[in-house]
Amino acid sequence: MDFEASAPRLESKSGVPVFTTFFISKSNSPLPDTVREILAAYSFITGYQDIDRDASLVSAEIVTHLPGQVSQTDLERIEVLRPVFYRDNYALLIGRIIYTRTKETACPARDLAG
């Protein structure tokens, strides 16, 4: 999985984006809802047995691979390449997760030196 705080824009030589952007949902379960949206956008002839279960499983896997300083609330969007890659009997969706990081600062309440 590819996680980036700031990501260069990926475009083809013609200037057409080579990926689809999915912004993280503002719902009660933002990551599973966004992953469900991605899976629905890449539907296959065979379909999904249980798309909600699959979205939850993928979301849980994403969370386990987040860098230590990044939380789910930092996730901004997921960019998925438009072409689907196939290997044997598998369809592979390739993408990257873009996140923002808030920097916390501390300000002293008073000057301790004087």
C-alpha atoms as a PDB file:
ATOM      1  CA  MET A   1       0.000   0.000   0.000  1.00  0.00           C
ATOM      2  CA  ASP A   2       1.207   3.449  -0.813  1.00  0.00           C
ATOM      3  CA  PHE A   3       0.581   6.225   1.707  1.00  0.00           C
ATOM      4  CA  GLU A   4       1.545   9.799   0.976  1.00  0.00           C
ATOM      5  CA  ALA A   5       1.128  13.096   2.780  1.00  0.00           C
ATOM      6  CA  SER A   6       1.526  15.095  -0.413  1.00  0.00           C
ATOM      7  CA  ALA A   7       1.170  13.419  -3.744  1.00  0.00           C
ATOM      8  CA  PRO A   8       2.205  14.457  -7.229  1.00  0.00           C
ATOM      9  CA  ARG A   9      -0.600  14.487  -9.754  1.00  0.00           C
ATOM     10  CA  LEU A  10      -0.579  11.460 -12.042  1.00  0.00           C
ATOM     11  CA  GLU A  11      -1.610  12.163 -15.623  1.00  0.00           C
ATOM     12  CA  SER A  12      -1.121  10.512 -18.967  1.00  0.00           C
ATOM     13  CA  LYS A  13       0.843  12.281 -21.706  1.00  0.00           C
ATOM     14  CA  SER A  14      -2.463  13.620 -23.029  1.00  0.00           C
ATOM     15  CA  GLY A  15      -3.127  15.293 -19.657  1.00  0.00           C
ATOM     16  CA  VAL A  16      -5.992  12.957 -18.754  1.00  0.00           C
ATOM     17  CA  PRO A  17      -5.829  11.681 -15.157  1.00  0.00           C
ATOM     18  CA  VAL A  18      -4.992   7.989 -14.990  1.00  0.00           C
ATOM     19  CA  PHE A  19      -6.834   7.450 -11.730  1.00  0.00           C
ATOM     20  CA  THR A  20     -10.212   8.023 -10.125  1.00  0.00           C
ATOM     21  CA  THR A  21     -10.328   9.990  -6.881  1.00  0.00           C
ATOM     22  CA  PHE A  22     -12.549   8.885  -4.014  1.00  0.00           C
ATOM     23  CA  PHE A  23     -12.791  11.363  -1.158  1.00  0.00           C
ATOM     24  CA  ILE A  24     -13.095   9.860   2.299  1.00  0.00           C
ATOM     25  CA  SER A  25     -16.742   9.769   3.299  1.00  0.00           C
ATOM     26  CA  LYS A  26     -18.009  12.046   6.076  1.00  0.00           C
ATOM     27  CA  SER A  27     -20.319   9.303   7.392  1.00  0.00           C
ATOM     28  CA  ASN A  28     -20.147   7.457  10.724  1.00  0.00           C
ATOM     29  CA  SER A  29     -17.892   4.787   9.165  1.00  0.00           C
ATOM     30  CA  PRO A  30     -15.893   6.821   6.651  1.00  0.00           C
ATOM     31  CA  LEU A  31     -13.246   4.340   5.512  1.00  0.00           C
ATOM     32  CA  PRO A  32     -15.553   1.323   4.975  1.00  0.00           C
ATOM     33  CA  ASP A  33     -18.059   3.541   3.148  1.00  0.00           C
ATOM     34  CA  THR A  34     -15.351   4.920   0.859  1.00  0.00           C
ATOM     35  CA  VAL A  35     -13.952   1.450   0.157  1.00  0.00           C
ATOM     36  CA  ARG A  36     -17.484   0.251  -0.610  1.00  0.00           C
ATOM     37  CA  GLU A  37     -17.817   3.124  -3.105  1.00  0.00           C
ATOM     38  CA  ILE A  38     -14.546   2.038  -4.751  1.00  0.00           C
ATOM     39  CA  LEU A  39     -15.626  -1.599  -4.981  1.00  0.00           C
ATOM     40  CA  ALA A  40     -18.986  -0.562  -6.453  1.00  0.00           C
ATOM     41  CA  ALA A  41     -17.213   1.587  -9.059  1.00  0.00           C
ATOM     42  CA  TYR A  42     -15.161  -1.442 -10.127  1.00  0.00           C
ATOM     43  CA  SER A  43     -17.915  -4.012 -10.368  1.00  0.00           C
ATOM     44  CA  PHE A  44     -17.267  -7.301 -12.140  1.00  0.00           C
ATOM     45  CA  ILE A  45     -19.507  -9.769 -13.978  1.00  0.00           C
ATOM     46  CA  THR A  46     -19.343 -12.210 -11.066  1.00  0.00           C
ATOM     47  CA  GLY A  47     -20.232  -9.474  -8.580  1.00  0.00           C
ATOM     48  CA  TYR A  48     -19.425  -9.512  -4.890  1.00  0.00           C
ATOM     49  CA  GLN A  49     -20.839 -12.048  -2.442  1.00  0.00           C
ATOM     50  CA  ASP A  50     -21.087  -9.425   0.302  1.00  0.00           C
ATOM     51  CA  ILE A  51     -19.766  -5.994  -0.667  1.00  0.00           C
ATOM     52  CA  ASP A  52     -20.254  -4.548   2.835  1.00  0.00           C
ATOM     53  CA  ARG A  53     -18.216  -7.361   4.413  1.00  0.00           C
ATOM     54  CA  ASP A  54     -15.517  -6.976   1.751  1.00  0.00           C
ATOM     55  CA  ALA A  55     -15.350  -3.201   2.331  1.00  0.00           C
ATOM     56  CA  SER A  56     -14.967  -3.779   6.071  1.00  0.00           C
ATOM     57  CA  LEU A  57     -12.190  -6.326   5.543  1.00  0.00           C
ATOM     58  CA  VAL A  58     -10.280  -4.048   3.152  1.00  0.00           C
ATOM     59  CA  SER A  59     -10.715  -1.090   5.528  1.00  0.00           C
ATOM     60  CA  ALA A  60      -9.371  -3.089   8.458  1.00  0.00           C
ATOM     61  CA  GLU A  61      -6.339  -4.085   6.374  1.00  0.00           C
ATOM     62  CA  ILE A  62      -5.702  -0.465   5.397  1.00  0.00           C
ATOM     63  CA  VAL A  63      -5.814   0.634   9.035  1.00  0.00           C
ATOM     64  CA  THR A  64      -3.207  -1.977  10.030  1.00  0.00           C
ATOM     65  CA  HIS A  65      -0.809  -0.541   7.428  1.00  0.00           C
ATOM     66  CA  LEU A  66      -1.192   3.154   8.273  1.00  0.00           C
ATOM     67  CA  PRO A  67       2.067   4.755   9.394  1.00  0.00           C
ATOM     68  CA  GLY A  68       2.200   5.142  13.185  1.00  0.00           C
ATOM     69  CA  GLN A  69       1.621   8.896  13.260  1.00  0.00           C
ATOM     70  CA  VAL A  70      -1.402   8.758  10.916  1.00  0.00           C
ATOM     71  CA  SER A  71      -4.941   8.119  12.144  1.00  0.00           C
ATOM     72  CA  GLN A  72      -8.102   7.449  10.166  1.00  0.00           C
ATOM     73  CA  THR A  73      -9.160  11.058  10.685  1.00  0.00           C
ATOM     74  CA  ASP A  74      -6.079  12.177   8.716  1.00  0.00           C
ATOM     75  CA  LEU A  75      -7.200  10.305   5.581  1.00  0.00           C
ATOM     76  CA  GLU A  76      -8.219  12.676   2.808  1.00  0.00           C
ATOM     77  CA  ARG A  77      -8.754  10.627  -0.344  1.00  0.00           C
ATOM     78  CA  ILE A  78      -7.971   7.393  -2.141  1.00  0.00           C
ATOM     79  CA  GLU A  79      -6.767   7.497  -5.745  1.00  0.00           C
ATOM     80  CA  VAL A  80      -7.272   4.292  -7.717  1.00  0.00           C
ATOM     81  CA  LEU A  81      -5.739   3.691 -11.138  1.00  0.00           C
ATOM     82  CA  ARG A  82      -8.418   3.416 -13.794  1.00  0.00           C
ATOM     83  CA  PRO A  83      -7.156   0.242 -15.447  1.00  0.00           C
ATOM     84  CA  VAL A  84      -7.768  -2.974 -13.543  1.00  0.00           C
ATOM     85  CA  PHE A  85      -4.815  -5.356 -13.521  1.00  0.00           C
ATOM     86  CA  TYR A  86      -5.386  -9.084 -13.788  1.00  0.00           C
ATOM     87  CA  ARG A  87      -3.204 -11.953 -12.634  1.00  0.00           C
ATOM     88  CA  ASP A  88      -4.400 -15.534 -12.835  1.00  0.00           C
ATOM     89  CA  ASN A  89      -7.948 -15.436 -11.405  1.00  0.00           C
ATOM     90  CA  TYR A  90      -7.427 -12.168  -9.504  1.00  0.00           C
ATOM     91  CA  ALA A  91      -8.408  -8.620 -10.339  1.00  0.00           C
ATOM     92  CA  LEU A  92      -6.081  -6.084  -8.730  1.00  0.00           C
ATOM     93  CA  LEU A  93      -7.067  -2.517  -7.940  1.00  0.00           C
ATOM     94  CA  ILE A  94      -3.968  -0.370  -7.521  1.00  0.00           C
ATOM     95  CA  GLY A  95      -4.122   2.914  -5.694  1.00  0.00           C
ATOM     96  CA  ARG A  96      -2.709   5.198  -3.081  1.00  0.00           C
ATOM     97  CA  ILE A  97      -4.069   6.813   0.031  1.00  0.00           C
ATOM     98  CA  ILE A  98      -3.496  10.516   0.517  1.00  0.00           C
ATOM     99  CA  TYR A  99      -3.582  11.878   4.036  1.00  0.00           C
ATOM    100  CA  THR A 100      -3.053  15.182   5.796  1.00  0.00           C
ATOM    101  CA  ARG A 101      -1.155  15.457   8.989  1.00  0.00           C
ATOM    102  CA  THR A 102      -1.967  18.037  11.601  1.00  0.00           C
ATOM    103  CA  LYS A 103       1.033  19.365  13.434  1.00  0.00           C
ATOM    104  CA  GLU A 104       0.506  20.045  17.108  1.00  0.00           C
ATOM    105  CA  THR A 105       2.358  22.932  18.688  1.00  0.00           C
ATOM    106  CA  ALA A 106       2.682  24.006  22.299  1.00  0.00           C
ATOM    107  CA  CYS A 107       2.685  27.628  23.427  1.00  0.00           C
ATOM    108  CA  PRO A 108       3.845  28.497  26.913  1.00  0.00           C
ATOM    109  CA  ALA A 109       1.233  30.165  29.125  1.00  0.00           C
ATOM    110  CA  ARG A 110       3.852  32.443  30.650  1.00  0.00           C
ATOM    111  CA  ASP A 111       7.549  33.196  30.356  1.00  0.00           C
ATOM    112  CA  LEU A 112       9.306  30.819  32.736  1.00  0.00           C
ATOM    113  CA  ALA A 113      12.596  32.757  32.595  1.00  0.00           C
ATOM    114  CA  GLY A 114      11.329  35.873  34.208  1.00  0.00           C
END
